[in-house]
PDB file of N, CA and C in Angstrom:
ATOM      1  N   MET A   1     -10.358  -5.782  33.034  1.00  0.00           N
ATOM      2  CA  MET A   1     -10.147  -4.616  32.193  1.00  0.00           C
ATOM      3  C   MET A   1      -9.704  -5.088  30.801  1.00  0.00           C
ATOM      4  N   THR A   2     -10.234  -4.462  29.768  1.00  0.00           N
ATOM      5  CA  THR A   2      -9.942  -4.854  28.400  1.00  0.00           C
ATOM      6  C   THR A   2      -8.854  -3.962  27.819  1.00  0.00           C
ATOM      7  N   SER A   3      -7.955  -4.567  27.097  1.00  0.00           N
ATOM      8  CA  SER A   3      -6.845  -3.858  26.472  1.00  0.00           C
ATOM      9  C   SER A   3      -7.344  -3.026  25.288  1.00  0.00           C
ATOM     10  N   PRO A   4      -6.932  -1.751  25.183  1.00  0.00           N
ATOM     11  CA  PRO A   4      -7.308  -0.939  24.021  1.00  0.00           C
ATOM     12  C   PRO A   4      -6.745  -1.512  22.724  1.00  0.00           C
ATOM     13  N   ILE A   5      -5.576  -2.140  22.798  1.00  0.00           N
ATOM     14  CA  ILE A   5      -4.974  -2.746  21.607  1.00  0.00           C
ATOM     15  C   ILE A   5      -5.825  -3.923  21.149  1.00  0.00           C
ATOM     16  N   ALA A   6      -6.245  -4.754  22.099  1.00  0.00           N
ATOM     17  CA  ALA A   6      -7.082  -5.906  21.750  1.00  0.00           C
ATOM     18  C   ALA A   6      -8.404  -5.447  21.154  1.00  0.00           C
ATOM     19  N   LEU A   7      -8.992  -4.412  21.725  1.00  0.00           N
ATOM     20  CA  LEU A   7     -10.245  -3.881  21.188  1.00  0.00           C
ATOM     21  C   LEU A   7     -10.057  -3.338  19.779  1.00  0.00           C
ATOM     22  N   SER A   8      -8.946  -2.667  19.549  1.00  0.00           N
ATOM     23  CA  SER A   8      -8.656  -2.116  18.232  1.00  0.00           C
ATOM     24  C   SER A   8      -8.518  -3.225  17.200  1.00  0.00           C
ATOM     25  N   ARG A   9      -7.793  -4.277  17.555  1.00  0.00           N
ATOM     26  CA  ARG A   9      -7.611  -5.408  16.633  1.00  0.00           C
ATOM     27  C   ARG A   9      -8.938  -6.122  16.371  1.00  0.00           C
ATOM     28  N   LEU A  10      -9.758  -6.258  17.409  1.00  0.00           N
ATOM     29  CA  LEU A  10     -11.073  -6.875  17.245  1.00  0.00           C
ATOM     30  C   LEU A  10     -11.930  -6.031  16.298  1.00  0.00           C
ATOM     31  N   GLU A  11     -11.882  -4.736  16.481  1.00  0.00           N
ATOM     32  CA  GLU A  11     -12.639  -3.831  15.609  1.00  0.00           C
ATOM     33  C   GLU A  11     -12.180  -3.966  14.159  1.00  0.00           C
ATOM     34  N   GLU A  12     -10.856  -4.015  13.930  1.00  0.00           N
ATOM     35  CA  GLU A  12     -10.327  -4.185  12.573  1.00  0.00           C
ATOM     36  C   GLU A  12     -10.812  -5.488  11.956  1.00  0.00           C
ATOM     37  N   ARG A  13     -10.783  -6.559  12.729  1.00  0.00           N
ATOM     38  CA  ARG A  13     -11.199  -7.863  12.219  1.00  0.00           C
ATOM     39  C   ARG A  13     -12.694  -7.875  11.889  1.00  0.00           C
ATOM     40  N   LEU A  14     -13.513  -7.229  12.728  1.00  0.00           N
ATOM     41  CA  LEU A  14     -14.946  -7.165  12.455  1.00  0.00           C
ATOM     42  C   LEU A  14     -15.236  -6.383  11.180  1.00  0.00           C
ATOM     43  N   VAL A  15     -14.524  -5.282  10.980  1.00  0.00           N
ATOM     44  CA  VAL A  15     -14.698  -4.495   9.761  1.00  0.00           C
ATOM     45  C   VAL A  15     -14.280  -5.323   8.551  1.00  0.00           C
ATOM     46  N   GLU A  16     -13.146  -6.025   8.653  1.00  0.00           N
ATOM     47  CA  GLU A  16     -12.701  -6.893   7.560  1.00  0.00           C
ATOM     48  C   GLU A  16     -13.735  -7.971   7.270  1.00  0.00           C
ATOM     49  N   LEU A  17     -14.304  -8.551   8.303  1.00  0.00           N
ATOM     50  CA  LEU A  17     -15.309  -9.591   8.127  1.00  0.00           C
ATOM     51  C   LEU A  17     -16.510  -9.054   7.361  1.00  0.00           C
ATOM     52  N   VAL A  18     -16.981  -7.883   7.733  1.00  0.00           N
ATOM     53  CA  VAL A  18     -18.123  -7.288   7.049  1.00  0.00           C
ATOM     54  C   VAL A  18     -17.759  -6.922   5.617  1.00  0.00           C
ATOM     55  N   LEU A  19     -16.610  -6.271   5.437  1.00  0.00           N
ATOM     56  CA  LEU A  19     -16.218  -5.842   4.090  1.00  0.00           C
ATOM     57  C   LEU A  19     -15.970  -7.019   3.149  1.00  0.00           C
ATOM     58  N   ASN A  20     -15.395  -8.094   3.673  1.00  0.00           N
ATOM     59  CA  ASN A  20     -15.067  -9.238   2.828  1.00  0.00           C
ATOM     60  C   ASN A  20     -16.172 -10.284   2.780  1.00  0.00           C
ATOM     61  N   GLY A  21     -17.073 -10.271   3.743  1.00  0.00           N
ATOM     62  CA  GLY A  21     -18.102 -11.297   3.815  1.00  0.00           C
ATOM     63  C   GLY A  21     -19.447 -10.902   3.256  1.00  0.00           C
ATOM     64  N   VAL A  22     -19.659  -9.618   3.016  1.00  0.00           N
ATOM     65  CA  VAL A  22     -20.940  -9.130   2.521  1.00  0.00           C
ATOM     66  C   VAL A  22     -20.713  -8.495   1.157  1.00  0.00           C
ATOM     67  N   SER A  23     -21.530  -8.878   0.189  1.00  0.00           N
ATOM     68  CA  SER A  23     -21.406  -8.311  -1.153  1.00  0.00           C
ATOM     69  C   SER A  23     -21.858  -6.849  -1.149  1.00  0.00           C
ATOM     70  N   HIS A  24     -21.052  -5.994  -1.804  1.00  0.00           N
ATOM     71  CA  HIS A  24     -21.374  -4.571  -1.897  1.00  0.00           C
ATOM     72  C   HIS A  24     -20.729  -3.995  -3.145  1.00  0.00           C
ATOM     73  N   ASN A  25     -20.897  -2.699  -3.366  1.00  0.00           N
ATOM     74  CA  ASN A  25     -20.407  -2.045  -4.587  1.00  0.00           C
ATOM     75  C   ASN A  25     -18.892  -2.123  -4.768  1.00  0.00           C
ATOM     76  N   TYR A  26     -18.146  -2.302  -3.695  1.00  0.00           N
ATOM     77  CA  TYR A  26     -16.685  -2.290  -3.760  1.00  0.00           C
ATOM     78  C   TYR A  26     -16.063  -3.670  -3.563  1.00  0.00           C
ATOM     79  N   SER A  27     -16.877  -4.720  -3.571  1.00  0.00           N
ATOM     80  CA  SER A  27     -16.368  -6.077  -3.337  1.00  0.00           C
ATOM     81  C   SER A  27     -15.259  -6.458  -4.307  1.00  0.00           C
ATOM     82  N   SER A  28     -15.463  -6.213  -5.595  1.00  0.00           N
ATOM     83  CA  SER A  28     -14.451  -6.600  -6.588  1.00  0.00           C
ATOM     84  C   SER A  28     -13.170  -5.799  -6.405  1.00  0.00           C
ATOM     85  N   LYS A  29     -13.269  -4.535  -6.036  1.00  0.00           N
ATOM     86  CA  LYS A  29     -12.081  -3.699  -5.800  1.00  0.00           C
ATOM     87  C   LYS A  29     -11.295  -4.239  -4.611  1.00  0.00           C
ATOM     88  N   LEU A  30     -11.972  -4.639  -3.566  1.00  0.00           N
ATOM     89  CA  LEU A  30     -11.288  -5.188  -2.390  1.00  0.00           C
ATOM     90  C   LEU A  30     -10.568  -6.482  -2.727  1.00  0.00           C
ATOM     91  N   LEU A  31     -11.194  -7.339  -3.528  1.00  0.00           N
ATOM     92  CA  LEU A  31     -10.542  -8.580  -3.922  1.00  0.00           C
ATOM     93  C   LEU A  31      -9.302  -8.309  -4.758  1.00  0.00           C
ATOM     94  N   LEU A  32      -9.384  -7.333  -5.654  1.00  0.00           N
ATOM     95  CA  LEU A  32      -8.233  -6.964  -6.468  1.00  0.00           C
ATOM     96  C   LEU A  32      -7.107  -6.447  -5.585  1.00  0.00           C
ATOM     97  N   ASP A  33      -7.433  -5.585  -4.615  1.00  0.00           N
ATOM     98  CA  ASP A  33      -6.428  -5.047  -3.703  1.00  0.00           C
ATOM     99  C   ASP A  33      -5.760  -6.157  -2.902  1.00  0.00           C
ATOM    100  N   MET A  34      -6.534  -7.163  -2.485  1.00  0.00           N
ATOM    101  CA  MET A  34      -5.961  -8.264  -1.716  1.00  0.00           C
ATOM    102  C   MET A  34      -4.991  -9.065  -2.577  1.00  0.00           C
ATOM    103  N   ASP A  35      -5.315  -9.238  -3.856  1.00  0.00           N
ATOM    104  CA  ASP A  35      -4.425  -9.962  -4.763  1.00  0.00           C
ATOM    105  C   ASP A  35      -3.125  -9.204  -4.990  1.00  0.00           C
ATOM    106  N   LEU A  36      -3.185  -7.878  -4.950  1.00  0.00           N
ATOM    107  CA  LEU A  36      -2.009  -7.054  -5.213  1.00  0.00           C
ATOM    108  C   LEU A  36      -1.124  -6.863  -3.985  1.00  0.00           C
ATOM    109  N   SER A  37      -1.630  -7.173  -2.802  1.00  0.00           N
ATOM    110  CA  SER A  37      -0.875  -6.919  -1.572  1.00  0.00           C
ATOM    111  C   SER A  37       0.549  -7.470  -1.587  1.00  0.00           C
ATOM    112  N   PRO A  38       0.762  -8.749  -1.932  1.00  0.00           N
ATOM    113  CA  PRO A  38       2.137  -9.261  -1.922  1.00  0.00           C
ATOM    114  C   PRO A  38       3.055  -8.526  -2.911  1.00  0.00           C
ATOM    115  N   LYS A  39       2.530  -8.155  -4.067  1.00  0.00           N
ATOM    116  CA  LYS A  39       3.336  -7.437  -5.054  1.00  0.00           C
ATOM    117  C   LYS A  39       3.716  -6.050  -4.541  1.00  0.00           C
ATOM    118  N   ILE A  40       2.769  -5.395  -3.900  1.00  0.00           N
ATOM    119  CA  ILE A  40       3.042  -4.060  -3.340  1.00  0.00           C
ATOM    120  C   ILE A  40       4.100  -4.165  -2.258  1.00  0.00           C
ATOM    121  N   VAL A  41       3.973  -5.157  -1.396  1.00  0.00           N
ATOM    122  CA  VAL A  41       4.931  -5.327  -0.296  1.00  0.00           C
ATOM    123  C   VAL A  41       6.327  -5.627  -0.836  1.00  0.00           C
ATOM    124  N   LEU A  42       6.424  -6.500  -1.824  1.00  0.00           N
ATOM    125  CA  LEU A  42       7.742  -6.812  -2.395  1.00  0.00           C
ATOM    126  C   LEU A  42       8.379  -5.578  -3.024  1.00  0.00           C
ATOM    127  N   ALA A  43       7.598  -4.824  -3.768  1.00  0.00           N
ATOM    128  CA  ALA A  43       8.126  -3.608  -4.398  1.00  0.00           C
ATOM    129  C   ALA A  43       8.542  -2.593  -3.340  1.00  0.00           C
ATOM    130  N   ALA A  44       7.735  -2.447  -2.302  1.00  0.00           N
ATOM    131  CA  ALA A  44       8.062  -1.495  -1.229  1.00  0.00           C
ATOM    132  C   ALA A  44       9.302  -1.938  -0.463  1.00  0.00           C
ATOM    133  N   ALA A  45       9.416  -3.232  -0.192  1.00  0.00           N
ATOM    134  CA  ALA A  45      10.590  -3.742   0.526  1.00  0.00           C
ATOM    135  C   ALA A  45      11.860  -3.512  -0.289  1.00  0.00           C
ATOM    136  N   ASP A  46      11.797  -3.784  -1.592  1.00  0.00           N
ATOM    137  CA  ASP A  46      12.951  -3.518  -2.458  1.00  0.00           C
ATOM    138  C   ASP A  46      13.327  -2.035  -2.421  1.00  0.00           C
ATOM    139  N   TYR A  47      12.322  -1.199  -2.496  1.00  0.00           N
ATOM    140  CA  TYR A  47      12.539   0.251  -2.455  1.00  0.00           C
ATOM    141  C   TYR A  47      13.201   0.656  -1.136  1.00  0.00           C
ATOM    142  N   MET A  48      12.688   0.115  -0.036  1.00  0.00           N
ATOM    143  CA  MET A  48      13.238   0.455   1.283  1.00  0.00           C
ATOM    144  C   MET A  48      14.697   0.039   1.405  1.00  0.00           C
ATOM    145  N   HIS A  49      15.012  -1.167   0.941  1.00  0.00           N
ATOM    146  CA  HIS A  49      16.400  -1.636   1.025  1.00  0.00           C
ATOM    147  C   HIS A  49      17.323  -0.773   0.166  1.00  0.00           C
ATOM    148  N   ALA A  50      16.844  -0.350  -0.978  1.00  0.00           N
ATOM    149  CA  ALA A  50      17.670   0.452  -1.888  1.00  0.00           C
ATOM    150  C   ALA A  50      17.828   1.893  -1.421  1.00  0.00           C
ATOM    151  N   HIS A  51      16.860   2.402  -0.646  1.00  0.00           N
ATOM    152  CA  HIS A  51      16.869   3.822  -0.276  1.00  0.00           C
ATOM    153  C   HIS A  51      16.910   4.068   1.234  1.00  0.00           C
ATOM    154  N   ALA A  52      17.215   3.038   2.015  1.00  0.00           N
ATOM    155  CA  ALA A  52      17.178   3.156   3.480  1.00  0.00           C
ATOM    156  C   ALA A  52      18.127   4.234   4.001  1.00  0.00           C
ATOM    157  N   HIS A  53      19.184   4.510   3.262  1.00  0.00           N
ATOM    158  CA  HIS A  53      20.162   5.508   3.698  1.00  0.00           C
ATOM    159  C   HIS A  53      19.670   6.938   3.470  1.00  0.00           C
ATOM    160  N   LEU A  54      18.550   7.083   2.776  1.00  0.00           N
ATOM    161  CA  LEU A  54      17.979   8.400   2.495  1.00  0.00           C
ATOM    162  C   LEU A  54      16.840   8.705   3.467  1.00  0.00           C
ATOM    163  N   PRO A  55      16.498   9.976   3.628  1.00  0.00           N
ATOM    164  CA  PRO A  55      15.408  10.335   4.552  1.00  0.00           C
ATOM    165  C   PRO A  55      14.027  10.124   3.930  1.00  0.00           C
ATOM    166  N   ILE A  56      13.724   8.887   3.547  1.00  0.00           N
ATOM    167  CA  ILE A  56      12.435   8.581   2.935  1.00  0.00           C
ATOM    168  C   ILE A  56      11.383   8.328   4.009  1.00  0.00           C
ATOM    169  N   THR A  57      10.142   8.503   3.629  1.00  0.00           N
ATOM    170  CA  THR A  57       9.016   8.206   4.512  1.00  0.00           C
ATOM    171  C   THR A  57       8.105   7.227   3.796  1.00  0.00           C
ATOM    172  N   THR A  58       7.146   6.689   4.511  1.00  0.00           N
ATOM    173  CA  THR A  58       6.200   5.779   3.877  1.00  0.00           C
ATOM    174  C   THR A  58       5.378   6.512   2.820  1.00  0.00           C
ATOM    175  N   ALA A  59       5.137   7.795   3.010  1.00  0.00           N
ATOM    176  CA  ALA A  59       4.417   8.580   1.997  1.00  0.00           C
ATOM    177  C   ALA A  59       5.232   8.661   0.703  1.00  0.00           C
ATOM    178  N   HIS A  60       6.558   8.832   0.823  1.00  0.00           N
ATOM    179  CA  HIS A  60       7.420   8.837  -0.362  1.00  0.00           C
ATOM    180  C   HIS A  60       7.350   7.494  -1.087  1.00  0.00           C
ATOM    181  N   ILE A  61       7.401   6.428  -0.323  1.00  0.00           N
ATOM    182  CA  ILE A  61       7.390   5.086  -0.898  1.00  0.00           C
ATOM    183  C   ILE A  61       6.084   4.855  -1.654  1.00  0.00           C
ATOM    184  N   ALA A  62       4.965   5.171  -1.013  1.00  0.00           N
ATOM    185  CA  ALA A  62       3.661   4.982  -1.655  1.00  0.00           C
ATOM    186  C   ALA A  62       3.570   5.792  -2.945  1.00  0.00           C
ATOM    187  N   LYS A  63       4.014   7.032  -2.900  1.00  0.00           N
ATOM    188  CA  LYS A  63       3.948   7.895  -4.086  1.00  0.00           C
ATOM    189  C   LYS A  63       4.807   7.325  -5.215  1.00  0.00           C
ATOM    190  N   ASP A  64       6.030   6.925  -4.897  1.00  0.00           N
ATOM    191  CA  ASP A  64       6.924   6.397  -5.924  1.00  0.00           C
ATOM    192  C   ASP A  64       6.435   5.065  -6.502  1.00  0.00           C
ATOM    193  N   LEU A  65       5.693   4.293  -5.716  1.00  0.00           N
ATOM    194  CA  LEU A  65       5.147   3.025  -6.206  1.00  0.00           C
ATOM    195  C   LEU A  65       3.809   3.218  -6.914  1.00  0.00           C
ATOM    196  N   GLY A  66       3.239   4.409  -6.795  1.00  0.00           N
ATOM    197  CA  GLY A  66       1.961   4.685  -7.442  1.00  0.00           C
ATOM    198  C   GLY A  66       0.770   4.077  -6.729  1.00  0.00           C
ATOM    199  N   VAL A  67       0.882   3.941  -5.412  1.00  0.00           N
ATOM    200  CA  VAL A  67      -0.235   3.433  -4.613  1.00  0.00           C
ATOM    201  C   VAL A  67      -0.551   4.442  -3.522  1.00  0.00           C
ATOM    202  N   GLY A  68      -1.725   4.330  -2.961  1.00  0.00           N
ATOM    203  CA  GLY A  68      -2.092   5.194  -1.850  1.00  0.00           C
ATOM    204  C   GLY A  68      -1.401   4.757  -0.573  1.00  0.00           C
ATOM    205  N   LEU A  69      -1.218   5.688   0.329  1.00  0.00           N
ATOM    206  CA  LEU A  69      -0.575   5.379   1.600  1.00  0.00           C
ATOM    207  C   LEU A  69      -1.367   4.318   2.363  1.00  0.00           C
ATOM    208  N   ARG A  70      -2.679   4.445   2.362  1.00  0.00           N
ATOM    209  CA  ARG A  70      -3.510   3.475   3.077  1.00  0.00           C
ATOM    210  C   ARG A  70      -3.399   2.093   2.425  1.00  0.00           C
ATOM    211  N   SER A  71      -3.326   2.039   1.101  1.00  0.00           N
ATOM    212  CA  SER A  71      -3.159   0.751   0.407  1.00  0.00           C
ATOM    213  C   SER A  71      -1.839   0.098   0.790  1.00  0.00           C
ATOM    214  N   LEU A  72      -0.796   0.916   0.900  1.00  0.00           N
ATOM    215  CA  LEU A  72       0.508   0.407   1.316  1.00  0.00           C
ATOM    216  C   LEU A  72       0.439  -0.149   2.731  1.00  0.00           C
ATOM    217  N   GLN A  73      -0.209   0.586   3.625  1.00  0.00           N
ATOM    218  CA  GLN A  73      -0.336   0.134   5.012  1.00  0.00           C
ATOM    219  C   GLN A  73      -1.128  -1.168   5.101  1.00  0.00           C
ATOM    220  N   LEU A  74      -2.229  -1.241   4.377  1.00  0.00           N
ATOM    221  CA  LEU A  74      -3.050  -2.454   4.405  1.00  0.00           C
ATOM    222  C   LEU A  74      -2.303  -3.652   3.810  1.00  0.00           C
ATOM    223  N   ALA A  75      -1.545  -3.409   2.749  1.00  0.00           N
ATOM    224  CA  ALA A  75      -0.772  -4.495   2.130  1.00  0.00           C
ATOM    225  C   ALA A  75       0.230  -5.068   3.120  1.00  0.00           C
ATOM    226  N   PHE A  76       0.928  -4.208   3.849  1.00  0.00           N
ATOM    227  CA  PHE A  76       1.895  -4.681   4.842  1.00  0.00           C
ATOM    228  C   PHE A  76       1.188  -5.416   5.976  1.00  0.00           C
ATOM    229  N   GLN A  77       0.051  -4.882   6.405  1.00  0.00           N
ATOM    230  CA  GLN A  77      -0.683  -5.514   7.490  1.00  0.00           C
ATOM    231  C   GLN A  77      -1.156  -6.899   7.081  1.00  0.00           C
ATOM    232  N   ARG A  78      -1.681  -7.020   5.861  1.00  0.00           N
ATOM    233  CA  ARG A  78      -2.180  -8.314   5.377  1.00  0.00           C
ATOM    234  C   ARG A  78      -1.056  -9.315   5.158  1.00  0.00           C
ATOM    235  N   SER A  79       0.050  -8.852   4.599  1.00  0.00           N
ATOM    236  CA  SER A  79       1.127  -9.773   4.223  1.00  0.00           C
ATOM    237  C   SER A  79       2.107 -10.077   5.345  1.00  0.00           C
ATOM    238  N   LEU A  80       2.464  -9.054   6.121  1.00  0.00           N
ATOM    239  CA  LEU A  80       3.516  -9.225   7.127  1.00  0.00           C
ATOM    240  C   LEU A  80       3.072  -8.964   8.561  1.00  0.00           C
ATOM    241  N   GLU A  81       1.824  -8.539   8.730  1.00  0.00           N
ATOM    242  CA  GLU A  81       1.286  -8.179  10.045  1.00  0.00           C
ATOM    243  C   GLU A  81       2.151  -7.126  10.741  1.00  0.00           C
ATOM    244  N   THR A  82       2.568  -6.152   9.968  1.00  0.00           N
ATOM    245  CA  THR A  82       3.331  -5.020  10.490  1.00  0.00           C
ATOM    246  C   THR A  82       2.986  -3.808   9.640  1.00  0.00           C
ATOM    247  N   THR A  83       3.577  -2.682   9.954  1.00  0.00           N
ATOM    248  CA  THR A  83       3.356  -1.475   9.162  1.00  0.00           C
ATOM    249  C   THR A  83       4.579  -1.213   8.294  1.00  0.00           C
ATOM    250  N   PRO A  84       4.410  -0.442   7.218  1.00  0.00           N
ATOM    251  CA  PRO A  84       5.573  -0.097   6.406  1.00  0.00           C
ATOM    252  C   PRO A  84       6.612   0.686   7.215  1.00  0.00           C
ATOM    253  N   HIS A  85       6.145   1.527   8.122  1.00  0.00           N
ATOM    254  CA  HIS A  85       7.066   2.310   8.953  1.00  0.00           C
ATOM    255  C   HIS A  85       7.914   1.391   9.825  1.00  0.00           C
ATOM    256  N   GLN A  86       7.292   0.400  10.437  1.00  0.00           N
ATOM    257  CA  GLN A  86       8.037  -0.539  11.287  1.00  0.00           C
ATOM    258  C   GLN A  86       9.027  -1.352  10.452  1.00  0.00           C
ATOM    259  N   TYR A  87       8.615  -1.733   9.259  1.00  0.00           N
ATOM    260  CA  TYR A  87       9.508  -2.495   8.385  1.00  0.00           C
ATOM    261  C   TYR A  87      10.709  -1.642   7.976  1.00  0.00           C
ATOM    262  N   LEU A  88      10.457  -0.388   7.605  1.00  0.00           N
ATOM    263  CA  LEU A  88      11.544   0.518   7.226  1.00  0.00           C
ATOM    264  C   LEU A  88      12.504   0.718   8.398  1.00  0.00           C
ATOM    265  N   ARG A  89      11.969   0.846   9.569  1.00  0.00           N
ATOM    266  CA  ARG A  89      12.809   0.998  10.760  1.00  0.00           C
ATOM    267  C   ARG A  89      13.700  -0.219  10.961  1.00  0.00           C
ATOM    268  N   LEU A  90      13.144  -1.406  10.769  1.00  0.00           N
ATOM    269  CA  LEU A  90      13.916  -2.639  10.896  1.00  0.00           C
ATOM    270  C   LEU A  90      15.019  -2.700   9.842  1.00  0.00           C
ATOM    271  N   VAL A  91      14.709  -2.320   8.619  1.00  0.00           N
ATOM    272  CA  VAL A  91      15.710  -2.303   7.542  1.00  0.00           C
ATOM    273  C   VAL A  91      16.849  -1.380   7.924  1.00  0.00           C
ATOM    274  N   ARG A  92      16.533  -0.210   8.449  1.00  0.00           N
ATOM    275  CA  ARG A  92      17.568   0.757   8.827  1.00  0.00           C
ATOM    276  C   ARG A  92      18.399   0.264  10.015  1.00  0.00           C
ATOM    277  N   LEU A  93      17.747  -0.410  10.957  1.00  0.00           N
ATOM    278  CA  LEU A  93      18.489  -0.929  12.121  1.00  0.00           C
ATOM    279  C   LEU A  93      19.441  -2.041  11.727  1.00  0.00           C
ATOM    280  N   ARG A  94      19.049  -2.847  10.786  1.00  0.00           N
ATOM    281  CA  ARG A  94      19.908  -3.954  10.340  1.00  0.00           C
ATOM    282  C   ARG A  94      21.092  -3.456   9.524  1.00  0.00           C
ATOM    283  N   GLY A  95      20.970  -2.296   8.915  1.00  0.00           N
ATOM    284  CA  GLY A  95      22.062  -1.739   8.133  1.00  0.00           C
ATOM    285  C   GLY A  95      22.133  -2.338   6.746  1.00  0.00           C
ATOM    286  N   PRO A  96      23.105  -1.894   5.972  1.00  0.00           N
ATOM    287  CA  PRO A  96      23.230  -2.381   4.589  1.00  0.00           C
ATOM    288  C   PRO A  96      23.625  -3.848   4.554  1.00  0.00           C
ATOM    289  N   ASP A  97      23.134  -4.527   3.521  1.00  0.00           N
ATOM    290  CA  ASP A  97      23.513  -5.931   3.331  1.00  0.00           C
ATOM    291  C   ASP A  97      25.016  -5.996   3.049  1.00  0.00           C
ATOM    292  N   ARG A  98      25.655  -6.951   3.669  1.00  0.00           N
ATOM    293  CA  ARG A  98      27.097  -7.089   3.487  1.00  0.00           C
ATOM    294  C   ARG A  98      27.433  -8.411   2.825  1.00  0.00           C
ATOM    295  N   THR A  99      26.475  -8.892   2.005  1.00  0.00           N
ATOM    296  CA  THR A  99      26.709 -10.184   1.358  1.00  0.00           C
ATOM    297  C   THR A  99      27.297 -10.001  -0.013  1.00  0.00           C
TER     298      THR A  99
END
């Protein structure tokens, strides 16, 4: 029996392979988005740490950073292999920095 999670990840990887491996009208946009991923993640992480005590959502974060929600999700997936929601949850569980 095949895992639905494994199938989902395989499907994502195949789509990425096609999108990144075949030239098309949006190739340059995808390359630009990939270059911006680490910057988006750093800005979002800073935002999350500064506002974790507030009832923010990933939609709020994306809007305040001026990026689309899907772009934010893809940036986290590419850079940290997690979602912005999971990262925000981890920040909240760890609590405020006490350094």
